[in-house]
Amino acid sequence: MRFLVGALGLSLCAALALPAAARADSFSLLQADVAVDVQQDGSLGVSERLEVAFSGDFHFGYRDIPLREGESLVEPSVAERGVAFRRGSQTSLEPESP
């Protein structure tokens, strides 16, 4: 019995000493769908749908869209669960109000 209590106490101390590991923030990309349509003028219409699962304390996210020389991004839009985000919002990599 004394060994069991000692082992339980040691396990509890180890769990308390490593609380960050128990609360680790993580995310998983569950699904990614991309559709590309060639327009009459030769430009591309691209639609991307990402499904991501978050676990932990997240305050913001971002998505880089790399462009090569001569490419441009025209009329981008972002929506979450059917609700579009406003254009002109702060885009720095810092937490903010939605």
N, C-alpha and C. Protein backbone atom coordinates (compact mmCIF):
# COMPACT_ATOMS: atom_id res chain seq x y z
N MET A 1 0.83 -1.19 0.00
CA MET A 1 0.00 0.00 0.00
C MET A 1 0.88 1.26 0.00
N ARG A 2 1.95 1.25 0.79
CA ARG A 2 2.84 2.40 0.87
C ARG A 2 3.47 2.68 -0.51
N PHE A 3 3.84 1.62 -1.26
CA PHE A 3 4.41 1.78 -2.59
C PHE A 3 3.38 2.40 -3.54
N LEU A 4 2.12 1.95 -3.45
CA LEU A 4 1.06 2.46 -4.31
C LEU A 4 0.84 3.95 -4.06
N VAL A 5 0.81 4.38 -2.81
CA VAL A 5 0.63 5.80 -2.48
C VAL A 5 1.83 6.60 -2.97
N GLY A 6 3.03 6.08 -2.80
CA GLY A 6 4.23 6.76 -3.28
C GLY A 6 4.23 6.90 -4.79
N ALA A 7 3.85 5.84 -5.49
CA ALA A 7 3.80 5.88 -6.95
C ALA A 7 2.73 6.85 -7.44
N LEU A 8 1.60 6.88 -6.75
CA LEU A 8 0.53 7.81 -7.11
C LEU A 8 0.98 9.25 -6.90
N GLY A 9 1.65 9.50 -5.78
CA GLY A 9 2.16 10.85 -5.49
C GLY A 9 3.19 11.28 -6.52
N LEU A 10 4.08 10.38 -6.90
CA LEU A 10 5.10 10.68 -7.91
C LEU A 10 4.44 10.97 -9.26
N SER A 11 3.44 10.20 -9.62
CA SER A 11 2.72 10.43 -10.88
C SER A 11 2.03 11.78 -10.88
N LEU A 12 1.42 12.16 -9.77
CA LEU A 12 0.74 13.45 -9.65
C LEU A 12 1.74 14.59 -9.77
N CYS A 13 2.90 14.47 -9.12
CA CYS A 13 3.93 15.51 -9.21
C CYS A 13 4.44 15.65 -10.64
N ALA A 14 4.61 14.55 -11.33
CA ALA A 14 5.09 14.59 -12.71
C ALA A 14 4.05 15.27 -13.61
N ALA A 15 2.77 14.98 -13.37
CA ALA A 15 1.72 15.60 -14.18
C ALA A 15 1.66 17.10 -13.94
N LEU A 16 1.83 17.54 -12.72
CA LEU A 16 1.80 18.96 -12.40
C LEU A 16 3.04 19.69 -12.91
N ALA A 17 4.15 18.99 -12.99
CA ALA A 17 5.39 19.62 -13.45
C ALA A 17 5.38 19.83 -14.95
N LEU A 18 4.54 19.13 -15.68
CA LEU A 18 4.49 19.24 -17.14
C LEU A 18 3.11 19.67 -17.64
N PRO A 19 2.53 20.75 -17.12
CA PRO A 19 1.18 21.11 -17.55
C PRO A 19 1.12 21.54 -19.00
N ALA A 20 2.19 22.10 -19.56
CA ALA A 20 2.17 22.54 -20.95
C ALA A 20 1.97 21.36 -21.90
N ALA A 21 2.55 20.24 -21.59
CA ALA A 21 2.40 19.07 -22.45
C ALA A 21 0.95 18.59 -22.46
N ALA A 22 0.26 18.73 -21.33
CA ALA A 22 -1.13 18.29 -21.25
C ALA A 22 -2.04 19.24 -22.02
N ARG A 23 -1.62 20.50 -22.18
CA ARG A 23 -2.45 21.50 -22.84
C ARG A 23 -1.85 21.93 -24.18
N ALA A 24 -1.12 21.10 -24.82
CA ALA A 24 -0.43 21.49 -26.05
C ALA A 24 -1.43 21.94 -27.11
N ASP A 25 -1.15 23.10 -27.73
CA ASP A 25 -1.95 23.58 -28.83
C ASP A 25 -1.57 22.80 -30.08
N SER A 26 -2.58 22.46 -30.88
CA SER A 26 -2.30 21.75 -32.12
C SER A 26 -3.41 22.02 -33.12
N PHE A 27 -3.13 21.73 -34.37
CA PHE A 27 -4.17 21.79 -35.39
C PHE A 27 -3.91 20.69 -36.40
N SER A 28 -4.97 20.30 -37.06
CA SER A 28 -4.88 19.26 -38.08
C SER A 28 -5.62 19.72 -39.32
N LEU A 29 -5.02 19.51 -40.48
CA LEU A 29 -5.69 19.77 -41.74
C LEU A 29 -6.52 18.53 -42.06
N LEU A 30 -7.84 18.65 -41.95
CA LEU A 30 -8.72 17.51 -42.16
C LEU A 30 -9.01 17.27 -43.63
N GLN A 31 -9.16 18.38 -44.38
CA GLN A 31 -9.50 18.24 -45.79
C GLN A 31 -9.11 19.51 -46.54
N ALA A 32 -8.67 19.35 -47.77
CA ALA A 32 -8.35 20.49 -48.64
C ALA A 32 -8.89 20.19 -50.03
N ASP A 33 -9.71 21.08 -50.54
CA ASP A 33 -10.27 20.95 -51.88
C ASP A 33 -9.93 22.21 -52.67
N VAL A 34 -9.41 22.05 -53.87
CA VAL A 34 -9.06 23.18 -54.73
C VAL A 34 -9.72 22.97 -56.09
N ALA A 35 -10.38 24.03 -56.57
CA ALA A 35 -10.98 24.01 -57.91
C ALA A 35 -10.39 25.16 -58.71
N VAL A 36 -10.00 24.91 -59.94
CA VAL A 36 -9.42 25.94 -60.81
C VAL A 36 -10.22 25.98 -62.11
N ASP A 37 -10.67 27.18 -62.48
CA ASP A 37 -11.40 27.39 -63.74
C ASP A 37 -10.61 28.36 -64.61
N VAL A 38 -10.36 27.98 -65.85
CA VAL A 38 -9.70 28.89 -66.80
C VAL A 38 -10.77 29.80 -67.38
N GLN A 39 -10.58 31.11 -67.23
CA GLN A 39 -11.53 32.11 -67.72
C GLN A 39 -11.29 32.41 -69.19
N GLN A 40 -12.25 33.09 -69.82
CA GLN A 40 -12.14 33.45 -71.24
C GLN A 40 -10.89 34.27 -71.55
N ASP A 41 -10.48 35.13 -70.58
CA ASP A 41 -9.31 35.99 -70.81
C ASP A 41 -7.99 35.30 -70.46
N GLY A 42 -8.06 34.03 -70.09
CA GLY A 42 -6.84 33.28 -69.75
C GLY A 42 -6.49 33.32 -68.27
N SER A 43 -7.19 34.14 -67.51
CA SER A 43 -6.92 34.18 -66.06
C SER A 43 -7.52 32.93 -65.41
N LEU A 44 -7.14 32.70 -64.19
CA LEU A 44 -7.62 31.52 -63.46
C LEU A 44 -8.54 31.94 -62.33
N GLY A 45 -9.64 31.25 -62.22
CA GLY A 45 -10.51 31.39 -61.05
C GLY A 45 -10.20 30.25 -60.12
N VAL A 46 -9.72 30.54 -58.93
CA VAL A 46 -9.29 29.49 -57.99
C VAL A 46 -10.16 29.56 -56.74
N SER A 47 -10.66 28.43 -56.33
CA SER A 47 -11.43 28.32 -55.10
C SER A 47 -10.77 27.25 -54.24
N GLU A 48 -10.51 27.59 -53.00
CA GLU A 48 -9.87 26.65 -52.08
C GLU A 48 -10.72 26.53 -50.83
N ARG A 49 -10.98 25.31 -50.42
CA ARG A 49 -11.74 25.07 -49.19
C ARG A 49 -10.87 24.22 -48.27
N LEU A 50 -10.57 24.77 -47.09
CA LEU A 50 -9.76 24.06 -46.11
C LEU A 50 -10.61 23.76 -44.89
N GLU A 51 -10.53 22.54 -44.41
CA GLU A 51 -11.20 22.17 -43.16
C GLU A 51 -10.11 21.84 -42.15
N VAL A 52 -10.07 22.62 -41.07
CA VAL A 52 -9.02 22.51 -40.08
C VAL A 52 -9.64 22.30 -38.71
N ALA A 53 -9.06 21.43 -37.92
CA ALA A 53 -9.49 21.20 -36.54
C ALA A 53 -8.43 21.78 -35.61
N PHE A 54 -8.86 22.63 -34.68
CA PHE A 54 -7.96 23.26 -33.73
C PHE A 54 -8.19 22.68 -32.34
N SER A 55 -7.12 22.50 -31.59
CA SER A 55 -7.20 22.06 -30.20
C SER A 55 -6.26 22.96 -29.40
N GLY A 56 -6.80 23.64 -28.42
CA GLY A 56 -5.98 24.53 -27.61
C GLY A 56 -6.47 25.96 -27.69
N ASP A 57 -5.59 26.87 -27.36
CA ASP A 57 -5.93 28.28 -27.24
C ASP A 57 -5.40 29.05 -28.45
N PHE A 58 -6.21 29.16 -29.50
CA PHE A 58 -5.83 29.88 -30.71
C PHE A 58 -6.60 31.19 -30.78
N HIS A 59 -5.95 32.25 -31.26
CA HIS A 59 -6.58 33.57 -31.34
C HIS A 59 -6.71 34.08 -32.76
N PHE A 60 -5.92 33.59 -33.67
CA PHE A 60 -5.99 34.04 -35.06
C PHE A 60 -5.30 33.01 -35.94
N GLY A 61 -5.52 33.14 -37.22
CA GLY A 61 -4.86 32.28 -38.19
C GLY A 61 -4.63 33.06 -39.46
N TYR A 62 -3.79 32.56 -40.31
CA TYR A 62 -3.54 33.22 -41.57
C TYR A 62 -3.16 32.18 -42.62
N ARG A 63 -3.24 32.59 -43.86
CA ARG A 63 -2.91 31.71 -44.98
C ARG A 63 -2.06 32.51 -45.95
N ASP A 64 -0.83 32.10 -46.17
CA ASP A 64 0.03 32.73 -47.16
C ASP A 64 -0.40 32.28 -48.56
N ILE A 65 -0.40 33.22 -49.49
CA ILE A 65 -0.67 32.91 -50.89
C ILE A 65 0.51 33.42 -51.69
N PRO A 66 1.47 32.55 -51.97
CA PRO A 66 2.67 33.01 -52.69
C PRO A 66 2.32 33.35 -54.14
N LEU A 67 2.85 34.47 -54.61
CA LEU A 67 2.66 34.90 -56.00
C LEU A 67 4.01 35.06 -56.66
N ARG A 68 4.11 34.58 -57.88
CA ARG A 68 5.33 34.76 -58.65
C ARG A 68 5.30 36.11 -59.36
N GLU A 69 6.44 36.52 -59.85
CA GLU A 69 6.53 37.78 -60.57
C GLU A 69 5.54 37.77 -61.74
N GLY A 70 4.77 38.85 -61.86
CA GLY A 70 3.77 38.96 -62.91
C GLY A 70 2.40 38.45 -62.52
N GLU A 71 2.28 37.75 -61.40
CA GLU A 71 0.98 37.26 -60.94
C GLU A 71 0.35 38.28 -60.00
N SER A 72 -0.95 38.25 -59.92
CA SER A 72 -1.66 39.12 -58.97
C SER A 72 -2.88 38.39 -58.43
N LEU A 73 -3.36 38.86 -57.34
CA LEU A 73 -4.54 38.30 -56.69
C LEU A 73 -5.63 39.37 -56.78
N VAL A 74 -6.72 39.04 -57.45
CA VAL A 74 -7.80 40.01 -57.68
C VAL A 74 -9.07 39.52 -56.99
N GLU A 75 -9.69 40.39 -56.23
CA GLU A 75 -10.94 40.11 -55.53
C GLU A 75 -10.86 38.88 -54.63
N PRO A 76 -9.89 38.81 -53.73
CA PRO A 76 -9.86 37.67 -52.80
C PRO A 76 -11.00 37.79 -51.78
N SER A 77 -11.45 36.67 -51.30
CA SER A 77 -12.47 36.66 -50.24
C SER A 77 -12.21 35.47 -49.33
N VAL A 78 -12.62 35.63 -48.09
CA VAL A 78 -12.46 34.58 -47.08
C VAL A 78 -13.77 34.46 -46.31
N ALA A 79 -14.19 33.24 -46.06
CA ALA A 79 -15.42 33.01 -45.29
C ALA A 79 -15.19 31.85 -44.32
N GLU A 80 -15.90 31.91 -43.22
CA GLU A 80 -15.87 30.82 -42.24
C GLU A 80 -17.30 30.44 -41.92
N ARG A 81 -17.63 29.18 -42.17
CA ARG A 81 -18.99 28.67 -41.96
C ARG A 81 -20.03 29.54 -42.65
N GLY A 82 -19.69 29.98 -43.87
CA GLY A 82 -20.62 30.76 -44.67
C GLY A 82 -20.66 32.25 -44.37
N VAL A 83 -19.89 32.70 -43.39
CA VAL A 83 -19.86 34.12 -43.03
C VAL A 83 -18.58 34.74 -43.60
N ALA A 84 -18.75 35.73 -44.49
CA ALA A 84 -17.60 36.36 -45.13
C ALA A 84 -16.91 37.32 -44.17
N PHE A 85 -15.59 37.37 -44.25
CA PHE A 85 -14.81 38.33 -43.48
C PHE A 85 -14.80 39.65 -44.24
N ARG A 86 -14.69 40.74 -43.49
CA ARG A 86 -14.67 42.08 -44.09
C ARG A 86 -13.31 42.36 -44.71
N ARG A 87 -13.32 43.06 -45.81
CA ARG A 87 -12.07 43.52 -46.43
C ARG A 87 -11.56 44.72 -45.65
N GLY A 88 -10.26 44.89 -45.64
CA GLY A 88 -9.66 46.03 -44.98
C GLY A 88 -9.37 45.82 -43.52
N SER A 89 -9.56 44.62 -43.01
CA SER A 89 -9.25 44.32 -41.62
C SER A 89 -7.74 44.28 -41.42
N GLN A 90 -7.32 44.40 -40.19
CA GLN A 90 -5.90 44.32 -39.84
C GLN A 90 -5.35 42.97 -40.30
N THR A 91 -4.18 42.97 -40.91
CA THR A 91 -3.61 41.72 -41.41
C THR A 91 -2.25 41.39 -40.79
N SER A 92 -1.84 42.17 -39.77
CA SER A 92 -0.57 41.84 -39.13
C SER A 92 -0.72 40.52 -38.38
N LEU A 93 0.38 39.86 -38.14
CA LEU A 93 0.34 38.55 -37.49
C LEU A 93 0.27 38.69 -35.98
N GLU A 94 -0.80 39.33 -35.53
CA GLU A 94 -1.02 39.54 -34.10
C GLU A 94 -2.48 39.27 -33.78
N PRO A 95 -2.77 38.80 -32.57
CA PRO A 95 -4.17 38.60 -32.20
C PRO A 95 -4.92 39.94 -32.19
N GLU A 96 -6.18 39.88 -32.57
CA GLU A 96 -7.02 41.08 -32.57
C GLU A 96 -8.47 40.66 -32.46
N SER A 97 -9.34 41.62 -32.41
CA SER A 97 -10.77 41.33 -32.44
C SER A 97 -11.14 40.86 -33.83
N PRO A 98 -12.13 39.97 -33.93
CA PRO A 98 -12.54 39.48 -35.27
C PRO A 98 -13.09 40.61 -36.13
